[in-house]
Amino acid sequence: MSERSGDPAWSDAKAAIRLGKLLSKGEGQSVEFKEQLPLQAHDIGKSIAAFASTNSGVIIFGVSDSGTVVGLENGQLTKVRDQIDQRISSAARGVNPPVQPSIVWVNIEGKAVCMVSIQRGIEPIYYSNQRPIVRRASMSRPAEPSEVAEAFRLRYDKVAQTKILPATLQISKRMKGALKKMNQARSDPFTVSDLALAMQLPSTMDLESVLEGEAPATFDLIDRFCSRFAINKEWLTTGRRAPFSSEVGYLALPEQYARLIEQEKCERVYAVRARSTIGEAFLVIESDAFRVWRTPDVWHVSSHVGGGGSRDLLGLYRIFRDWIEKFPDFMILGRLIEPALARSIWNGETHPGIVTDKPLSHWWDDLTDLDHQWTSRTGAVKDYGKGFVAAQDIIREMISRESG
């Protein structure tokens, strides 16, 4: 709630006070003014990545370069503010590694201003549109190769010299915890020797000594462990997030994940859907026995969708239809699982490989049977629920609109 008399409820009073101080100082190393929200997500991401790479800062949308408050067009409308929040959050997720900014709104004499605060990240450098970005004075720009090298040197040298790296025993505990979760659904559990071989380590002892807390984990070993077994690096080194939080950046359309999966040259893809009225669905990719990961997006295969959700349903349908028609090099298997397990997987707490041991389901290919040629409507309701058939109706309507 606003504490300033006459301001709407969405206006943050404390942020308004901070904004006044920032406007008086002008743009600089930690402040960037933008008169409008850029049309391209990577232009938003560029500014976010710059502060994450260099120093904490704030981007203020609705203020000109000279520091004049112009406001964002129609920013007084809840729908517009929500759309802007979503675009900024999506752009932040597109930064590599993803960033989580803080977004607040301020009302200045009837003009809506959006303030986006970004913390300095734990990684040496952050990328937008596949380019390393840094902040220099009042500019956010691509980093020179020498600046990237210096960022890595300073970050890792500083960590090594001041011993900021998390305690050896903490990393050991997390590594063993990840291994336990990876083995949760396996009849033939991985051994330390298996992991060391998969990581291409010279000796099993290189990994075993770290797991037992007898030796510190080197940066190279951490990188190998995380990339080989799809473990979240931030969780392993700091305890933040979750062990299997996806490191894959969010993509705008489901079809883009299909291209990513094809490039991965995986063995199996599991189309997973929760047994719930919402029908939360996601993809689990088994690159090989050691590397099993999931797509970061969760789609609703039911009537619980808005405009964007309807478009996602259509994209998911097209992925499944293409897989049926083109016979990709990998195997596609469906899984219907309990909502609690699904939630635990997409939250990153449970290893996604646990779905490999679940019963087979044909929900994903049955979803493409829009005219019920091999599955009756009544049968689909019985097997997957009313929401599933409602999702088919939405897809059919989307296709009709496109062709019309």
Protein backbone atom coordinates (compact mmCIF):
# COMPACT_ATOMS: atom_id res chain seq x y z
CA MET A 1 0.00 0.00 0.00
CA SER A 2 1.13 3.55 -0.70
CA GLU A 3 1.88 5.78 2.26
CA ARG A 4 1.79 9.02 0.28
CA SER A 5 -1.52 10.83 0.28
CA GLY A 6 -3.34 10.65 -3.05
CA ASP A 7 -1.14 7.95 -4.58
CA PRO A 8 -2.72 4.77 -5.98
CA ALA A 9 -2.25 1.51 -4.06
CA TRP A 10 0.27 0.15 -6.58
CA SER A 11 2.72 3.03 -6.02
CA ASP A 12 5.58 2.10 -3.66
CA ALA A 13 6.15 4.97 -1.19
CA LYS A 14 9.70 3.99 -0.22
CA ALA A 15 10.67 3.57 -3.87
CA ALA A 16 9.26 7.03 -4.59
CA ILE A 17 11.62 8.55 -2.01
CA ARG A 18 14.54 6.62 -3.50
CA LEU A 19 13.55 7.71 -7.01
CA GLY A 20 13.74 11.37 -6.02
CA LYS A 21 17.31 10.91 -4.82
CA LEU A 22 18.34 8.98 -7.92
CA LEU A 23 16.85 11.60 -10.24
CA SER A 24 18.87 14.31 -8.53
CA LYS A 25 22.10 12.35 -9.03
CA GLY A 26 21.45 11.41 -12.66
CA GLU A 27 22.64 8.41 -14.67
CA GLY A 28 25.89 6.74 -13.71
CA GLN A 29 27.61 3.49 -12.85
CA SER A 30 24.66 2.19 -10.82
CA VAL A 31 21.69 4.03 -12.40
CA GLU A 32 20.24 3.86 -15.92
CA PHE A 33 17.32 5.90 -17.25
CA LYS A 34 15.11 4.65 -20.06
CA GLU A 35 12.28 6.73 -21.45
CA GLN A 36 10.42 3.69 -22.79
CA LEU A 37 10.53 -0.07 -22.41
CA PRO A 38 12.60 -1.45 -25.34
CA LEU A 39 10.67 -3.53 -27.85
CA GLN A 40 13.29 -6.29 -27.98
CA ALA A 41 13.78 -8.56 -24.97
CA HIS A 42 17.54 -8.71 -25.50
CA ASP A 43 17.73 -4.90 -25.23
CA ILE A 44 16.09 -5.14 -21.80
CA GLY A 45 18.33 -8.08 -20.94
CA LYS A 46 21.43 -6.12 -21.95
CA SER A 47 20.92 -3.57 -19.17
CA ILE A 48 20.07 -6.29 -16.65
CA ALA A 49 23.15 -8.34 -17.58
CA ALA A 50 25.39 -5.27 -17.31
CA PHE A 51 24.54 -4.69 -13.65
CA ALA A 52 24.66 -8.41 -12.84
CA SER A 53 28.18 -8.53 -14.33
CA THR A 54 29.59 -5.35 -12.85
CA ASN A 55 27.78 -3.91 -9.85
CA SER A 56 24.30 -3.76 -8.34
CA GLY A 57 22.15 -1.07 -9.91
CA VAL A 58 18.70 0.09 -10.92
CA ILE A 59 17.05 0.63 -14.31
CA ILE A 60 14.31 3.25 -14.27
CA PHE A 61 11.78 3.03 -17.09
CA GLY A 62 9.73 6.15 -17.74
CA VAL A 63 12.54 8.68 -17.24
CA SER A 64 14.40 10.47 -20.04
CA ASP A 65 18.21 10.63 -20.30
CA SER A 66 18.08 14.12 -18.83
CA GLY A 67 16.28 12.83 -15.73
CA THR A 68 12.80 14.10 -16.64
CA VAL A 69 9.91 11.89 -15.56
CA VAL A 70 7.83 11.13 -18.67
CA GLY A 71 6.10 7.97 -17.44
CA LEU A 72 5.33 4.78 -19.35
CA GLU A 73 2.38 4.91 -21.70
CA ASN A 74 -0.83 3.64 -20.04
CA GLY A 75 1.21 2.64 -17.01
CA GLN A 76 -1.69 3.57 -14.74
CA LEU A 77 -3.55 0.49 -16.03
CA THR A 78 -3.08 -2.75 -14.11
CA LYS A 79 -3.06 -4.81 -17.31
CA VAL A 80 -0.26 -2.72 -18.80
CA ARG A 81 1.86 -2.88 -15.63
CA ASP A 82 1.41 -6.66 -15.47
CA GLN A 83 2.47 -7.01 -19.10
CA ILE A 84 5.56 -4.87 -18.51
CA ASP A 85 6.44 -6.87 -15.38
CA GLN A 86 6.19 -10.09 -17.40
CA ARG A 87 8.34 -8.73 -20.24
CA ILE A 88 11.06 -7.60 -17.83
CA SER A 89 11.00 -10.90 -15.93
CA SER A 90 11.13 -12.85 -19.18
CA ALA A 91 14.08 -10.78 -20.40
CA ALA A 92 15.86 -11.39 -17.08
CA ARG A 93 15.34 -15.14 -17.45
CA GLY A 94 16.84 -14.85 -20.93
CA VAL A 95 20.08 -13.51 -19.49
CA ASN A 96 22.73 -16.22 -19.13
CA PRO A 97 22.85 -17.16 -16.30
CA PRO A 98 19.26 -16.05 -15.52
CA VAL A 99 18.77 -13.06 -13.20
CA GLN A 100 15.97 -12.35 -10.73
CA PRO A 101 15.39 -8.58 -10.54
CA SER A 102 13.14 -6.71 -8.12
CA ILE A 103 10.38 -4.69 -9.84
CA VAL A 104 8.42 -1.87 -8.20
CA TRP A 105 6.21 0.91 -9.54
CA VAL A 106 6.00 4.56 -8.55
CA ASN A 107 3.37 7.17 -9.34
CA ILE A 108 4.85 10.64 -9.99
CA GLU A 109 2.17 13.26 -10.63
CA GLY A 110 0.02 10.78 -12.53
CA LYS A 111 2.94 9.26 -14.45
CA ALA A 112 3.87 5.61 -13.93
CA VAL A 113 7.56 4.85 -13.46
CA CYS A 114 8.97 1.31 -13.24
CA MET A 115 12.09 0.70 -11.14
CA VAL A 116 14.03 -2.53 -11.72
CA SER A 117 16.75 -3.34 -9.19
CA ILE A 118 19.47 -5.87 -10.05
CA GLN A 119 21.99 -7.38 -7.64
CA ARG A 120 25.58 -8.10 -8.65
CA GLY A 121 25.58 -11.78 -9.58
CA ILE A 122 27.78 -14.57 -8.27
CA GLU A 123 29.16 -15.36 -11.74
CA PRO A 124 32.10 -13.40 -13.23
CA ILE A 125 30.14 -12.26 -16.29
CA TYR A 126 26.56 -12.33 -17.58
CA TYR A 127 25.43 -12.64 -21.20
CA SER A 128 22.59 -11.13 -23.18
CA ASN A 129 21.88 -12.29 -26.71
CA GLN A 130 24.99 -14.50 -26.39
CA ARG A 131 27.26 -11.51 -25.76
CA PRO A 132 29.07 -10.70 -22.48
CA ILE A 133 27.82 -7.37 -21.11
CA VAL A 134 29.41 -4.94 -18.62
CA ARG A 135 28.53 -1.57 -17.13
CA ARG A 136 30.96 1.27 -17.70
CA ALA A 137 29.96 4.70 -16.31
CA SER A 138 26.50 5.36 -17.78
CA MET A 139 26.80 2.78 -20.56
CA SER A 140 25.85 -0.89 -20.75
CA ARG A 141 27.91 -2.40 -23.53
CA PRO A 142 29.44 -5.67 -24.81
CA ALA A 143 32.60 -6.58 -22.93
CA GLU A 144 35.97 -6.73 -24.66
CA PRO A 145 37.74 -10.13 -24.53
CA SER A 146 40.28 -8.65 -22.14
CA GLU A 147 37.47 -7.46 -19.82
CA VAL A 148 35.93 -10.94 -19.76
CA ALA A 149 39.30 -12.48 -18.93
CA GLU A 150 39.87 -9.90 -16.19
CA ALA A 151 36.41 -10.53 -14.71
CA PHE A 152 37.16 -14.23 -14.41
CA ARG A 153 40.62 -13.60 -13.00
CA LEU A 154 39.38 -11.16 -10.38
CA ARG A 155 36.45 -13.29 -9.35
CA TYR A 156 38.26 -16.58 -9.00
CA ASP A 157 41.51 -15.17 -7.68
CA LYS A 158 39.60 -13.21 -5.10
CA VAL A 159 37.61 -16.27 -4.09
CA ALA A 160 40.74 -18.34 -3.77
CA GLN A 161 42.71 -15.69 -1.88
CA THR A 162 40.00 -14.74 0.61
CA LYS A 163 38.60 -18.29 0.90
CA ILE A 164 35.06 -17.19 0.11
CA LEU A 165 34.37 -20.58 -1.52
CA PRO A 166 31.76 -22.43 0.58
CA ALA A 167 33.15 -24.84 3.15
CA THR A 168 34.48 -28.12 1.81
CA LEU A 169 32.07 -30.09 3.98
CA GLN A 170 29.06 -28.14 2.67
CA ILE A 171 29.88 -28.88 -0.95
CA SER A 172 30.65 -32.49 -0.02
CA LYS A 173 27.26 -32.81 1.66
CA ARG A 174 25.43 -31.33 -1.35
CA MET A 175 27.29 -33.56 -3.81
CA LYS A 176 26.39 -36.67 -1.83
CA GLY A 177 22.81 -35.45 -1.53
CA ALA A 178 22.59 -35.00 -5.30
CA LEU A 179 23.98 -38.50 -5.86
CA LYS A 180 21.42 -39.95 -3.45
CA LYS A 181 18.58 -38.25 -5.32
CA MET A 182 19.97 -39.41 -8.68
CA ASN A 183 19.92 -43.00 -7.39
CA GLN A 184 16.42 -42.70 -5.92
CA ALA A 185 14.70 -44.49 -8.79
CA ARG A 186 17.58 -46.64 -10.02
CA SER A 187 17.69 -50.39 -9.48
CA ASP A 188 21.42 -50.26 -10.28
CA PRO A 189 22.69 -47.21 -8.32
CA PHE A 190 25.56 -45.10 -9.58
CA THR A 191 28.83 -45.50 -7.69
CA VAL A 192 31.52 -42.90 -7.15
CA SER A 193 33.61 -44.75 -9.72
CA ASP A 194 30.76 -44.43 -12.24
CA LEU A 195 30.57 -40.68 -11.70
CA ALA A 196 34.34 -40.19 -11.87
CA LEU A 197 34.45 -42.11 -15.15
CA ALA A 198 31.56 -40.11 -16.59
CA MET A 199 33.34 -36.89 -15.58
CA GLN A 200 36.55 -38.16 -17.24
CA LEU A 201 38.56 -37.65 -14.08
CA PRO A 202 42.08 -39.13 -13.95
CA SER A 203 41.25 -41.06 -10.79
CA THR A 204 38.22 -42.03 -8.72
CA MET A 205 40.06 -40.64 -5.71
CA ASP A 206 39.81 -37.13 -7.23
CA LEU A 207 36.06 -37.24 -6.65
CA GLU A 208 35.97 -39.53 -3.62
CA SER A 209 38.23 -37.23 -1.57
CA VAL A 210 35.87 -34.32 -2.25
CA LEU A 211 32.75 -36.34 -1.42
CA GLU A 212 34.33 -37.36 1.89
CA GLY A 213 35.27 -33.78 2.70
CA GLU A 214 38.97 -34.57 2.66
CA ALA A 215 39.83 -32.20 -0.19
CA PRO A 216 38.30 -28.95 -1.46
CA ALA A 217 36.36 -29.00 -4.71
CA THR A 218 38.23 -27.21 -7.48
CA PHE A 219 36.35 -24.97 -9.88
CA ASP A 220 37.07 -27.43 -12.69
CA LEU A 221 35.61 -30.34 -10.71
CA ILE A 222 32.51 -28.30 -9.80
CA ASP A 223 31.99 -27.34 -13.44
CA ARG A 224 32.38 -30.94 -14.58
CA PHE A 225 30.05 -32.29 -11.90
CA CYS A 226 27.31 -29.76 -12.67
CA SER A 227 27.47 -29.95 -16.46
CA ARG A 228 27.80 -33.74 -16.64
CA PHE A 229 24.91 -34.52 -14.28
CA ALA A 230 22.70 -31.44 -14.85
CA ILE A 231 23.20 -30.17 -11.29
CA ASN A 232 22.49 -26.51 -10.55
CA LYS A 233 25.84 -24.81 -9.96
CA GLU A 234 24.45 -22.04 -7.77
CA TRP A 235 22.87 -24.62 -5.46
CA LEU A 236 26.05 -26.69 -5.23
CA THR A 237 28.29 -23.74 -4.40
CA THR A 238 25.97 -21.59 -2.26
CA GLY A 239 22.98 -23.69 -1.25
CA ARG A 240 20.59 -21.28 -2.97
CA ARG A 241 17.90 -22.53 -5.36
CA ALA A 242 17.52 -26.33 -5.68
CA PRO A 243 19.80 -29.18 -6.81
CA PHE A 244 18.01 -29.78 -10.10
CA SER A 245 16.79 -26.26 -10.91
CA SER A 246 17.06 -26.00 -14.66
CA GLU A 247 20.13 -24.21 -16.01
CA VAL A 248 18.42 -23.93 -19.40
CA GLY A 249 17.16 -20.42 -20.13
CA TYR A 250 13.44 -19.85 -20.62
CA LEU A 251 12.37 -19.78 -24.28
CA ALA A 252 9.45 -17.87 -25.69
CA LEU A 253 7.79 -20.77 -27.52
CA PRO A 254 7.54 -24.52 -26.86
CA GLU A 255 8.76 -25.19 -30.41
CA GLN A 256 12.13 -23.67 -29.50
CA TYR A 257 12.67 -26.40 -26.93
CA ALA A 258 12.15 -28.99 -29.67
CA ARG A 259 15.08 -27.52 -31.59
CA LEU A 260 17.17 -27.48 -28.41
CA ILE A 261 16.36 -31.15 -27.76
CA GLU A 262 17.34 -32.11 -31.31
CA GLN A 263 20.71 -30.41 -30.86
CA GLU A 264 21.25 -32.28 -27.59
CA LYS A 265 21.28 -35.65 -29.40
CA CYS A 266 19.46 -37.28 -26.53
CA GLU A 267 18.34 -40.89 -26.07
CA ARG A 268 14.83 -40.37 -24.69
CA VAL A 269 12.34 -37.59 -24.09
CA TYR A 270 9.61 -37.99 -21.47
CA ALA A 271 6.42 -35.98 -21.93
CA VAL A 272 5.25 -35.59 -18.34
CA ARG A 273 1.80 -34.42 -17.20
CA ALA A 274 0.40 -34.13 -13.69
CA ARG A 275 -2.83 -35.88 -12.74
CA SER A 276 -4.50 -32.62 -11.75
CA THR A 277 -7.28 -30.37 -13.01
CA ILE A 278 -4.64 -27.92 -14.25
CA GLY A 279 -2.67 -30.66 -16.03
CA GLU A 280 0.80 -29.19 -15.55
CA ALA A 281 3.14 -30.59 -18.21
CA PHE A 282 6.85 -30.41 -18.95
CA LEU A 283 9.54 -32.34 -20.81
CA VAL A 284 12.28 -34.45 -19.24
CA ILE A 285 15.29 -35.13 -21.48
CA GLU A 286 17.54 -38.12 -20.98
CA SER A 287 20.73 -37.20 -22.81
CA ASP A 288 22.27 -40.40 -21.47
CA ALA A 289 22.11 -42.43 -18.26
CA PHE A 290 24.03 -39.75 -16.33
CA ARG A 291 22.50 -36.56 -17.65
CA VAL A 292 18.74 -36.15 -17.21
CA TRP A 293 17.28 -32.65 -17.22
CA ARG A 294 13.97 -30.88 -17.75
CA THR A 295 12.68 -27.89 -19.62
CA PRO A 296 12.22 -24.87 -17.31
CA ASP A 297 8.74 -24.06 -18.61
CA VAL A 298 5.60 -25.75 -17.28
CA TRP A 299 2.57 -25.76 -19.60
CA HIS A 300 -1.08 -26.26 -18.62
CA VAL A 301 -2.71 -29.00 -20.67
CA SER A 302 -6.25 -28.09 -19.65
CA SER A 303 -8.66 -25.17 -19.83
CA HIS A 304 -6.56 -23.30 -17.23
CA VAL A 305 -4.84 -21.10 -19.81
CA GLY A 306 -4.92 -17.49 -20.90
CA GLY A 307 -3.96 -16.11 -24.29
CA GLY A 308 -0.31 -17.02 -23.89
CA GLY A 309 -1.20 -20.42 -22.47
CA SER A 310 -3.39 -21.16 -25.47
CA ARG A 311 -0.48 -20.36 -27.76
CA ASP A 312 1.74 -22.65 -25.70
CA LEU A 313 -0.82 -25.45 -26.04
CA LEU A 314 -0.73 -25.06 -29.81
CA GLY A 315 3.07 -25.14 -29.74
CA LEU A 316 3.07 -28.28 -27.62
CA TYR A 317 0.61 -29.92 -30.01
CA ARG A 318 2.88 -29.11 -32.95
CA ILE A 319 5.91 -30.58 -31.19
CA PHE A 320 4.06 -33.83 -30.50
CA ARG A 321 2.58 -34.01 -34.00
CA ASP A 322 6.01 -33.50 -35.58
CA TRP A 323 7.51 -36.23 -33.41
CA ILE A 324 4.77 -38.63 -34.47
CA GLU A 325 5.16 -37.82 -38.17
CA LYS A 326 8.96 -37.50 -38.44
CA PHE A 327 10.22 -40.30 -36.19
CA PRO A 328 13.12 -38.48 -34.49
CA ASP A 329 16.33 -40.26 -33.48
CA PHE A 330 15.25 -40.33 -29.85
CA MET A 331 12.42 -42.24 -28.19
CA ILE A 332 9.37 -40.34 -26.83
CA LEU A 333 7.63 -41.75 -23.79
CA GLY A 334 4.65 -40.35 -21.91
CA ARG A 335 4.22 -40.22 -18.15
CA LEU A 336 1.23 -39.31 -15.96
CA ILE A 337 2.35 -38.61 -12.39
CA GLU A 338 0.89 -37.35 -9.14
CA PRO A 339 0.75 -33.54 -8.69
CA ALA A 340 3.03 -33.54 -5.63
CA LEU A 341 5.77 -35.40 -7.50
CA ALA A 342 5.38 -33.16 -10.56
CA ARG A 343 5.70 -30.08 -8.37
CA SER A 344 8.81 -31.47 -6.68
CA ILE A 345 10.43 -32.10 -10.07
CA TRP A 346 9.74 -28.69 -11.58
CA ASN A 347 10.81 -27.02 -8.34
CA GLY A 348 14.16 -28.77 -8.74
CA GLU A 349 13.99 -30.75 -5.50
CA THR A 350 13.54 -34.19 -7.08
CA HIS A 351 15.78 -35.60 -9.80
CA PRO A 352 13.82 -35.60 -13.09
CA GLY A 353 15.16 -39.08 -13.83
CA ILE A 354 12.61 -40.45 -11.37
CA VAL A 355 10.00 -40.36 -14.17
CA THR A 356 11.87 -43.05 -16.11
CA ASP A 357 10.53 -45.65 -13.68
CA LYS A 358 6.88 -44.53 -13.91
CA PRO A 359 4.15 -46.31 -15.95
CA LEU A 360 3.85 -45.56 -19.64
CA SER A 361 1.12 -43.17 -20.78
CA HIS A 362 0.02 -42.16 -24.29
CA TRP A 363 -1.39 -38.80 -23.23
CA TRP A 364 1.03 -36.85 -25.40
CA ASP A 365 0.18 -38.59 -28.69
CA ASP A 366 -3.51 -38.80 -27.73
CA LEU A 367 -3.42 -35.00 -27.36
CA THR A 368 -2.85 -34.76 -31.13
CA ASP A 369 -6.02 -36.78 -31.85
CA LEU A 370 -8.15 -33.65 -32.04
CA ASP A 371 -10.92 -35.33 -34.06
CA HIS A 372 -10.92 -38.44 -31.81
CA GLN A 373 -10.11 -40.87 -34.58
CA TRP A 374 -8.44 -43.40 -32.27
CA THR A 375 -9.54 -42.13 -28.86
CA SER A 376 -13.16 -41.32 -28.15
CA ARG A 377 -14.00 -38.10 -26.37
CA THR A 378 -15.55 -40.10 -23.53
CA GLY A 379 -12.46 -42.30 -23.31
CA ALA A 380 -10.15 -39.28 -23.20
CA VAL A 381 -12.18 -37.78 -20.35
CA LYS A 382 -12.00 -41.09 -18.48
CA ASP A 383 -8.25 -41.47 -18.97
CA TYR A 384 -7.06 -37.88 -18.64
CA GLY A 385 -9.89 -35.76 -17.26
CA LYS A 386 -12.22 -33.09 -18.63
CA GLY A 387 -9.40 -30.53 -18.72
CA PHE A 388 -7.53 -32.65 -21.25
CA VAL A 389 -10.42 -32.64 -23.70
CA ALA A 390 -10.88 -28.90 -23.07
CA ALA A 391 -7.22 -28.44 -24.07
CA GLN A 392 -7.90 -30.30 -27.33
CA ASP A 393 -10.84 -27.98 -28.00
CA ILE A 394 -8.61 -24.94 -27.44
CA ILE A 395 -5.98 -26.30 -29.83
CA ARG A 396 -8.62 -27.02 -32.46
CA GLU A 397 -9.97 -23.48 -32.13
CA MET A 398 -6.45 -22.00 -32.40
CA ILE A 399 -5.81 -23.97 -35.60
CA SER A 400 -9.19 -22.86 -37.00
CA ARG A 401 -8.36 -19.22 -36.31
CA GLU A 402 -5.00 -19.50 -38.07
CA SER A 403 -6.46 -21.20 -41.14
CA GLY A 404 -9.44 -18.81 -41.21
